[in-house]
Amino acid sequence: MLRPGDPALDGKDNLLSEADFRAIVAVARACLQRKAPWYSPRRVHVITGAKVEVYFGPFDKDGEPGLITVERAKREWKVIWCGVPERIILG
């Protein structure tokens, strides 16, 4: 199922089809493109067949990566929450 360049997949990954995985990655990438184009999805963690967490970016100073929560609603995957860390540039 995974191709080069895809994020890692873990958790209850047997609950997702290939089409579901591709749709989840697409909505996560679209969210990041709007809010933080310097990041990309690096891991998809399957919680249930209708809820996943997508982790992105490097670990922050507290050891936690950024997180996007994606859920299936009416046969469509949608971003429910996109926790993009603030990018502050000091000059």
Protein backbone atom coordinates (compact mmCIF):
# COMPACT_ATOMS: atom_id res chain seq x y z
CA MET A 1 0.00 0.00 0.00
CA LEU A 2 2.77 2.49 0.84
CA ARG A 3 4.71 4.11 -1.98
CA PRO A 4 7.93 6.13 -1.84
CA GLY A 5 7.18 9.54 -0.37
CA ASP A 6 4.11 8.35 1.54
CA PRO A 7 3.86 8.95 5.28
CA ALA A 8 4.26 5.94 7.56
CA LEU A 9 1.10 4.08 8.57
CA ASP A 10 0.46 2.60 12.02
CA GLY A 11 -2.22 1.85 14.58
CA LYS A 12 -5.23 -0.15 13.39
CA ASP A 13 -4.10 0.21 9.77
CA ASN A 14 -6.02 -2.91 8.68
CA LEU A 15 -9.22 -0.81 9.04
CA LEU A 16 -8.28 1.43 6.07
CA SER A 17 -8.48 0.68 2.39
CA GLU A 18 -5.89 2.00 -0.06
CA ALA A 19 -8.46 4.57 -1.27
CA ASP A 20 -9.08 5.73 2.32
CA PHE A 21 -5.35 6.12 2.95
CA ARG A 22 -4.89 8.16 -0.24
CA ALA A 23 -7.90 10.39 0.62
CA ILE A 24 -6.60 10.99 4.16
CA VAL A 25 -3.15 11.94 2.90
CA ALA A 26 -4.70 14.25 0.29
CA VAL A 27 -6.84 16.18 2.79
CA ALA A 28 -3.92 16.42 5.24
CA ARG A 29 -1.62 17.75 2.52
CA ALA A 30 -4.26 20.26 1.42
CA CYS A 31 -4.62 21.52 5.00
CA LEU A 32 -0.86 21.87 5.36
CA GLN A 33 -0.54 23.58 1.99
CA ARG A 34 -2.91 26.30 3.22
CA LYS A 35 -1.60 26.65 6.77
CA ALA A 36 2.02 25.47 6.81
CA PRO A 37 3.43 24.60 3.38
CA TRP A 38 6.89 23.98 4.85
CA TYR A 39 5.55 20.77 6.51
CA SER A 40 4.39 17.47 5.06
CA PRO A 41 2.59 14.48 6.62
CA ARG A 42 5.04 11.98 8.09
CA ARG A 43 2.80 9.45 9.89
CA VAL A 44 -0.85 8.37 9.74
CA HIS A 45 -2.05 6.76 12.97
CA VAL A 46 -5.34 4.87 12.59
CA ILE A 47 -7.58 5.05 15.66
CA THR A 48 -10.78 3.66 14.12
CA GLY A 49 -12.07 3.06 10.63
CA ALA A 50 -13.49 6.59 10.75
CA LYS A 51 -10.85 8.54 12.70
CA VAL A 52 -7.11 9.01 12.17
CA GLU A 53 -4.38 11.32 13.39
CA VAL A 54 -1.84 12.62 10.91
CA TYR A 55 1.48 13.75 12.37
CA PHE A 56 3.68 16.18 10.48
CA GLY A 57 6.84 18.17 10.72
CA PRO A 58 9.78 17.76 13.05
CA PHE A 59 9.33 17.30 16.77
CA ASP A 60 8.99 20.60 18.56
CA LYS A 61 10.90 21.69 21.66
CA ASP A 62 8.55 19.66 23.88
CA GLY A 63 9.00 16.52 21.82
CA GLU A 64 5.56 16.62 20.19
CA PRO A 65 4.97 16.76 16.45
CA GLY A 66 2.20 18.74 14.81
CA LEU A 67 -1.15 16.94 14.57
CA ILE A 68 -4.11 16.89 12.21
CA THR A 69 -7.25 14.98 13.18
CA VAL A 70 -9.15 13.57 10.19
CA GLU A 71 -12.56 11.89 10.38
CA ARG A 72 -14.86 10.27 7.87
CA ALA A 73 -18.24 12.00 7.62
CA LYS A 74 -20.82 10.96 5.05
CA ARG A 75 -18.31 8.89 3.04
CA GLU A 76 -15.80 11.75 2.88
CA TRP A 77 -12.62 12.35 4.88
CA LYS A 78 -12.46 15.81 6.47
CA VAL A 79 -9.98 17.66 8.65
CA ILE A 80 -11.55 18.16 12.07
CA TRP A 81 -8.58 19.84 13.71
CA CYS A 82 -5.27 21.11 12.35
CA GLY A 83 -2.73 21.90 15.07
CA VAL A 84 -0.13 23.82 13.12
CA PRO A 85 2.60 25.23 15.33
CA GLU A 86 3.33 28.91 14.94
CA ARG A 87 6.40 29.72 12.88
CA ILE A 88 8.22 32.68 14.31
CA ILE A 89 11.25 34.14 12.59
CA LEU A 90 13.44 36.38 14.69
CA GLY A 91 15.77 38.66 12.82
